C-alpha atoms as a PDB file:
ATOM      1  CA  TYR A   1      10.008  -7.316   4.573  1.00  0.00           C
ATOM      2  CA  THR A   2       9.906 -10.245   3.002  1.00  0.00           C
ATOM      3  CA  ILE A   3       7.680 -11.792   0.580  1.00  0.00           C
ATOM      4  CA  ARG A   4       5.370 -13.825   2.791  1.00  0.00           C
ATOM      5  CA  GLN A   5       5.615 -10.508   4.833  1.00  0.00           C
ATOM      6  CA  ALA A   6       5.062  -8.324   2.921  1.00  0.00           C
ATOM      7  CA  ALA A   7       1.946 -10.170   1.562  1.00  0.00           C
ATOM      8  CA  THR A   8       0.376 -10.746   5.640  1.00  0.00           C
ATOM      9  CA  LEU A   9       0.177  -6.902   6.134  1.00  0.00           C
ATOM     10  CA  SER A  10      -0.919  -5.987   2.868  1.00  0.00           C
ATOM     11  CA  HIS A  11      -3.918  -8.822   3.363  1.00  0.00           C
ATOM     12  CA  VAL A  12      -3.300 -10.220   0.043  1.00  0.00           C
ATOM     13  CA  SER A  13      -1.403 -13.674  -1.217  1.00  0.00           C
ATOM     14  CA  GLY A  14       2.048 -14.385  -1.060  1.00  0.00           C
ATOM     15  CA  GLY A  15       1.790 -14.971  -5.266  1.00  0.00           C
ATOM     16  CA  THR A  16       0.206 -11.792  -5.889  1.00  0.00           C
ATOM     17  CA  VAL A  17       2.481  -9.159  -3.963  1.00  0.00           C
ATOM     18  CA  ARG A  18       5.176 -11.249  -6.135  1.00  0.00           C
ATOM     19  CA  ASN A  19       2.945 -10.634  -9.517  1.00  0.00           C
ATOM     20  CA  TRP A  20       2.310  -6.806  -8.758  1.00  0.00           C
ATOM     21  CA  LEU A  21       6.378  -6.583  -7.809  1.00  0.00           C
ATOM     22  CA  TYR A  22       7.960  -8.729 -10.500  1.00  0.00           C
ATOM     23  CA  GLY A  23       5.472  -8.959 -12.750  1.00  0.00           C
ATOM     24  CA  SER A  24       4.711 -13.374 -14.131  1.00  0.00           C
ATOM     25  CA  THR A  25       6.591 -14.996 -16.548  1.00  0.00           C
ATOM     26  CA  THR A  26       3.805 -17.674 -16.633  1.00  0.00           C
ATOM     27  CA  SER A  27       0.882 -15.721 -17.076  1.00  0.00           C
ATOM     28  CA  GLU A  28       3.448 -13.098 -18.901  1.00  0.00           C
ATOM     29  CA  MET A  29       1.642 -10.299 -15.952  1.00  0.00           C
ATOM     30  CA  GLU A  30       3.076  -6.965 -16.250  1.00  0.00           C
ATOM     31  CA  PRO A  31       4.263  -6.090 -13.340  1.00  0.00           C
ATOM     32  CA  VAL A  32       2.069  -3.055 -11.524  1.00  0.00           C
ATOM     33  CA  PHE A  33       4.459  -1.288 -10.026  1.00  0.00           C
ATOM     34  CA  GLY A  34       6.810  -0.150 -12.978  1.00  0.00           C
ATOM     35  CA  GLY A  35       8.921  -3.062 -12.790  1.00  0.00           C
ATOM     36  CA  LYS A  36      11.956  -4.514  -9.536  1.00  0.00           C
ATOM     37  CA  GLU A  37      15.054  -6.735 -10.105  1.00  0.00           C
ATOM     38  CA  LYS A  38      15.194  -9.187  -8.050  1.00  0.00           C
ATOM     39  CA  THR A  39      18.680  -9.159  -5.768  1.00  0.00           C
ATOM     40  CA  GLY A  40      20.179 -12.159  -4.721  1.00  0.00           C
ATOM     41  CA  GLU A  41      18.473 -14.635  -2.900  1.00  0.00           C
ATOM     42  CA  LEU A  42      15.216 -13.062  -1.047  1.00  0.00           C
ATOM     43  CA  ALA A  43      13.099 -10.947  -2.784  1.00  0.00           C
ATOM     44  CA  ARG A  44      12.911  -8.462  -0.576  1.00  0.00           C
ATOM     45  CA  VAL A  45      10.491  -5.124   0.207  1.00  0.00           C
ATOM     46  CA  SER A  46      11.130  -2.064   0.706  1.00  0.00           C
ATOM     47  CA  PHE A  47       8.508   0.093   2.958  1.00  0.00           C
ATOM     48  CA  LEU A  48       7.187   2.221   0.322  1.00  0.00           C
ATOM     49  CA  GLU A  49       6.734  -1.055  -2.118  1.00  0.00           C
ATOM     50  CA  LEU A  50       4.466  -2.288   0.839  1.00  0.00           C
ATOM     51  CA  SER A  51       2.613   0.790   0.752  1.00  0.00           C
ATOM     52  CA  GLU A  52       1.483   0.890  -2.348  1.00  0.00           C
ATOM     53  CA  LEU A  53       0.384  -2.967  -2.372  1.00  0.00           C
ATOM     54  CA  ILE A  54      -1.899  -2.076   0.522  1.00  0.00           C
ATOM     55  CA  ILE A  55      -3.587   1.102  -1.422  1.00  0.00           C
ATOM     56  CA  ALA A  56      -3.491  -1.130  -4.583  1.00  0.00           C
ATOM     57  CA  ALA A  57      -5.501  -3.557  -2.704  1.00  0.00           C
ATOM     58  CA  GLN A  58      -8.275  -1.645  -1.465  1.00  0.00           C
ATOM     59  CA  TRP A  59      -8.696  -0.432  -5.182  1.00  0.00           C
ATOM     60  CA  ARG A  60      -8.904  -4.106  -6.317  1.00  0.00           C
ATOM     61  CA  LYS A  61     -12.032  -4.535  -3.332  1.00  0.00           C
ATOM     62  CA  LYS A  62     -13.714  -2.283  -5.486  1.00  0.00           C
ATOM     63  CA  ARG A  63     -13.036  -4.090  -8.072  1.00  0.00           C
ATOM     64  CA  ILE A  64     -10.845  -2.032 -10.284  1.00  0.00           C
ATOM     65  CA  LYS A  65      -9.170  -3.999 -12.296  1.00  0.00           C
ATOM     66  CA  LEU A  66      -5.054  -4.750 -12.441  1.00  0.00           C
ATOM     67  CA  GLY A  67      -4.354  -2.867 -15.663  1.00  0.00           C
ATOM     68  CA  ARG A  68      -6.647  -0.359 -15.329  1.00  0.00           C
ATOM     69  CA  ILE A  69      -4.359  -0.185 -11.327  1.00  0.00           C
ATOM     70  CA  ARG A  70      -1.140  -0.661 -13.015  1.00  0.00           C
ATOM     71  CA  ALA A  71      -1.706   2.205 -15.729  1.00  0.00           C
ATOM     72  CA  ALA A  72      -3.529   4.696 -12.991  1.00  0.00           C
ATOM     73  CA  HIS A  73      -0.046   4.334 -11.389  1.00  0.00           C
ATOM     74  CA  GLY A  74       1.993   5.016 -13.748  1.00  0.00           C
ATOM     75  CA  TYR A  75       0.214   8.404 -15.233  1.00  0.00           C
ATOM     76  CA  ALA A  76       0.299   9.581 -11.091  1.00  0.00           C
ATOM     77  CA  ARG A  77       4.079   8.614 -11.361  1.00  0.00           C
ATOM     78  CA  GLY A  78       4.945  10.621 -13.986  1.00  0.00           C
ATOM     79  CA  GLU A  79       2.269  13.269 -13.614  1.00  0.00           C
ATOM     80  CA  TRP A  80       4.144  13.788  -9.811  1.00  0.00           C
ATOM     81  CA  GLY A  81       7.631  12.876 -11.129  1.00  0.00           C
ATOM     82  CA  VAL A  82       8.068  10.480  -7.901  1.00  0.00           C
ATOM     83  CA  GLN A  83       8.229   6.521  -7.940  1.00  0.00           C
ATOM     84  CA  TYR A  84       6.537   5.459  -5.558  1.00  0.00           C
ATOM     85  CA  PRO A  85       2.767   7.329  -5.978  1.00  0.00           C
ATOM     86  CA  PHE A  86       0.387   5.520  -4.297  1.00  0.00           C
ATOM     87  CA  ALA A  87       2.181   5.747  -1.332  1.00  0.00           C
ATOM     88  CA  HIS A  88       2.924   9.894  -1.578  1.00  0.00           C
ATOM     89  CA  LEU A  89       0.551  12.239   0.561  1.00  0.00           C
ATOM     90  CA  ASP A  90      -0.423  13.331  -2.838  1.00  0.00           C
ATOM     91  CA  LEU A  91      -1.817  10.854  -3.047  1.00  0.00           C
ATOM     92  CA  THR A  92      -4.801  11.973  -0.666  1.00  0.00           C
ATOM     93  CA  THR A  93      -4.211  15.908  -1.519  1.00  0.00           C
ATOM     94  CA  VAL A  94      -4.593  16.677  -5.446  1.00  0.00           C
ATOM     95  CA  GLY A  95      -4.800  12.447  -5.908  1.00  0.00           C
ATOM     96  CA  GLY A  96      -8.716  13.337  -7.129  1.00  0.00           C
ATOM     97  CA  HIS A  97      -7.642  15.251  -9.700  1.00  0.00           C
ATOM     98  CA  ILE A  98      -4.736  13.433 -10.562  1.00  0.00           C
ATOM     99  CA  LEU A  99      -6.964  10.303 -11.267  1.00  0.00           C
ATOM    100  CA  ARG A 100      -9.757  12.217 -12.479  1.00  0.00           C
ATOM    101  CA  ARG A 101      -7.339  12.899 -15.007  1.00  0.00           C
ATOM    102  CA  PHE A 102      -6.164   9.457 -15.806  1.00  0.00           C
ATOM    103  CA  GLU A 103      -9.961   8.185 -16.272  1.00  0.00           C
ATOM    104  CA  GLU A 104     -11.283  11.129 -18.990  1.00  0.00           C
ATOM    105  CA  THR A 105      -7.616  10.022 -20.833  1.00  0.00           C
ATOM    106  CA  HIS A 106      -8.597   6.579 -20.716  1.00  0.00           C
ATOM    107  CA  PRO A 107     -11.822   5.572 -20.219  1.00  0.00           C
ATOM    108  CA  ASP A 108     -13.299   2.381 -19.161  1.00  0.00           C
ATOM    109  CA  ALA A 109     -17.099   0.736 -18.045  1.00  0.00           C
ATOM    110  CA  GLY A 110     -16.026  -0.609 -15.129  1.00  0.00           C
ATOM    111  CA  PRO A 111     -15.445   0.136 -11.544  1.00  0.00           C
ATOM    112  CA  SER A 112     -14.017   4.286 -11.198  1.00  0.00           C
ATOM    113  CA  PHE A 113     -11.006   4.775  -9.061  1.00  0.00           C
ATOM    114  CA  LEU A 114     -13.315   7.953  -7.955  1.00  0.00           C
ATOM    115  CA  VAL A 115     -16.604   8.802  -6.307  1.00  0.00           C
ATOM    116  CA  MET A 116     -18.573  11.289  -6.812  1.00  0.00           C
ATOM    117  CA  THR A 117     -19.864  13.673  -4.151  1.00  0.00           C
ATOM    118  CA  ALA A 118     -20.850  16.356  -5.339  1.00  0.00           C
ATOM    119  CA  PRO A 119     -20.876  18.084  -9.047  1.00  0.00           C
ATOM    120  CA  ASP A 120     -17.376  17.796 -10.858  1.00  0.00           C
ATOM    121  CA  GLN A 121     -16.091  17.277  -7.581  1.00  0.00           C
ATOM    122  CA  TYR A 122     -14.715  13.976  -7.310  1.00  0.00           C
ATOM    123  CA  VAL A 123     -12.361  12.233  -4.397  1.00  0.00           C
ATOM    124  CA  LEU A 124     -11.220   9.294  -4.067  1.00  0.00           C
ATOM    125  CA  PRO A 125     -13.209   6.074  -2.114  1.00  0.00           C
ATOM    126  CA  GLY A 126     -14.195   5.681   1.565  1.00  0.00           C
ATOM    127  CA  LEU A 127     -12.282   1.785   1.525  1.00  0.00           C
ATOM    128  CA  VAL A 128      -9.200   4.181   0.075  1.00  0.00           C
ATOM    129  CA  GLN A 129      -9.320   7.238   1.768  1.00  0.00           C
ATOM    130  CA  ASP A 130      -9.589   5.263   5.187  1.00  0.00           C
ATOM    131  CA  GLU A 131      -6.161   3.245   4.306  1.00  0.00           C
ATOM    132  CA  ILE A 132      -4.587   6.327   3.279  1.00  0.00           C
ATOM    133  CA  ASP A 133      -5.634   7.810   6.549  1.00  0.00           C
ATOM    134  CA  ARG A 134      -3.872   5.097   8.456  1.00  0.00           C
ATOM    135  CA  PHE A 135      -0.648   6.572   7.292  1.00  0.00           C
ATOM    136  CA  ASP A 136       1.499   9.502   8.596  1.00  0.00           C
ATOM    137  CA  TYR A 137       3.340  10.722   5.510  1.00  0.00           C
ATOM    138  CA  ASN A 138       6.967  12.541   6.544  1.00  0.00           C
ATOM    139  CA  PRO A 139       7.213  16.609   5.655  1.00  0.00           C
ATOM    140  CA  ASN A 140      10.768  16.105   3.941  1.00  0.00           C
ATOM    141  CA  ASP A 141       9.624  14.082   1.232  1.00  0.00           C
ATOM    142  CA  LYS A 142       5.904  13.724   1.437  1.00  0.00           C
ATOM    143  CA  CYS A 143       6.440   9.965   1.238  1.00  0.00           C
ATOM    144  CA  ALA A 144       4.189   7.201   3.844  1.00  0.00           C
ATOM    145  CA  ASP A 145       6.751   6.635   6.688  1.00  0.00           C
ATOM    146  CA  ARG A 146       4.783   4.773   9.143  1.00  0.00           C
ATOM    147  CA  TRP A 147       1.834   3.226   9.114  1.00  0.00           C
ATOM    148  CA  TYR A 148      -1.664   2.159  11.944  1.00  0.00           C
ATOM    149  CA  PRO A 149      -2.242  -1.361  10.459  1.00  0.00           C
ATOM    150  CA  GLU A 150      -5.571  -0.821  12.619  1.00  0.00           C
ATOM    151  CA  GLY A 151      -6.052   3.104  12.490  1.00  0.00           C
ATOM    152  CA  LYS A 152      -4.189   5.978  14.777  1.00  0.00           C
ATOM    153  CA  ASP A 153      -6.081   5.346  18.121  1.00  0.00           C
ATOM    154  CA  VAL A 154      -4.777   1.610  18.462  1.00  0.00           C
ATOM    155  CA  PRO A 155      -0.411   2.009  19.591  1.00  0.00           C
ATOM    156  CA  ILE A 156       0.230  -0.703  17.026  1.00  0.00           C
ATOM    157  CA  VAL A 157       2.597   1.076  14.348  1.00  0.00           C
ATOM    158  CA  VAL A 158       4.166  -0.608  11.028  1.00  0.00           C
ATOM    159  CA  ASP A 159       7.710   1.804  11.501  1.00  0.00           C
ATOM    160  CA  PRO A 160      10.466   0.907   9.293  1.00  0.00           C
ATOM    161  CA  HIS A 161      12.619   2.273  11.774  1.00  0.00           C
ATOM    162  CA  PHE A 162      11.491   0.743  14.129  1.00  0.00           C
ATOM    163  CA  GLY A 163      11.258  -3.475  15.520  1.00  0.00           C
ATOM    164  CA  GLY A 164      12.739  -3.911  11.431  1.00  0.00           C
ATOM    165  CA  GLY A 165       9.193  -2.735  10.035  1.00  0.00           C
ATOM    166  CA  ARG A 166       7.886  -5.560  11.462  1.00  0.00           C
ATOM    167  CA  PRO A 167       4.478  -4.693  14.062  1.00  0.00           C
ATOM    168  CA  THR A 168       5.257  -2.640  17.069  1.00  0.00           C
ATOM    169  CA  VAL A 169       3.817  -0.997  20.848  1.00  0.00           C
ATOM    170  CA  LYS A 170       4.321   2.692  19.568  1.00  0.00           C
ATOM    171  CA  GLY A 171       6.035   4.580  21.398  1.00  0.00           C
ATOM    172  CA  ARG A 172       7.926   1.261  22.610  1.00  0.00           C
ATOM    173  CA  GLY A 173       9.928  -0.269  20.268  1.00  0.00           C
ATOM    174  CA  VAL A 174       8.088  -3.537  21.517  1.00  0.00           C
ATOM    175  CA  THR A 175       7.082  -5.492  18.882  1.00  0.00           C
ATOM    176  CA  VAL A 176       3.680  -7.177  18.858  1.00  0.00           C
ATOM    177  CA  ASP A 177       5.165 -10.672  17.667  1.00  0.00           C
ATOM    178  CA  ILE A 178       6.789 -11.277  21.379  1.00  0.00           C
ATOM    179  CA  ILE A 179       3.999  -9.481  23.172  1.00  0.00           C
ATOM    180  CA  GLN A 180       2.389 -12.471  21.657  1.00  0.00           C
ATOM    181  CA  ARG A 181       5.109 -15.053  22.843  1.00  0.00           C
ATOM    182  CA  ARG A 182       5.790 -14.171  25.445  1.00  0.00           C
ATOM    183  CA  PHE A 183       1.120 -14.276  26.369  1.00  0.00           C
ATOM    184  CA  SER A 184       1.250 -18.096  24.931  1.00  0.00           C
ATOM    185  CA  ILE A 185       4.076 -19.459  27.019  1.00  0.00           C
ATOM    186  CA  ALA A 186       2.185 -17.031  30.276  1.00  0.00           C
ATOM    187  CA  LYS A 187      -0.040 -19.254  29.025  1.00  0.00           C
ATOM    188  CA  GLU A 188       1.143 -22.188  28.746  1.00  0.00           C
ATOM    189  CA  SER A 189       2.209 -22.483  32.295  1.00  0.00           C
ATOM    190  CA  ILE A 190      -0.843 -21.073  33.368  1.00  0.00           C
END
């Protein structure tokens, strides 16, 4: 994905995508996801990076500080030994336990990554869990494989294997932007 495509899909600005992936030289901000080198003229965003942007954006809506998201990402990366912990199935299964341990070892007065549902029982907040539920995961590596931006009951899917990773109609391979363009052309001819 280009920075612009990733920004549109994750509902954050292009500057946010750049800063979260590459850091910022003007504000000396470190990247959120461990740092990535720009290759060539055009910066590219992988599907797994896009997935992490989408999840991190949900925590930002909960007003979690960016520095805490960066630290939690690094902590989860170390605990699971995976490069993309926010795009990993373990975030749904053991993420609450890992993030609870993170919060215990890295106390902060700000909002929590988790919600307590019962004494000593923590889960991911609804906003984050709802977004995670929109992903399908590869059974072999447990990484995000496809994403349903409007929910799994709507047949629009973002799958890096179809339509160049753009939103497509599930099972058809036709991109949503092609349908939109054809609809616009048909509408103009009426």
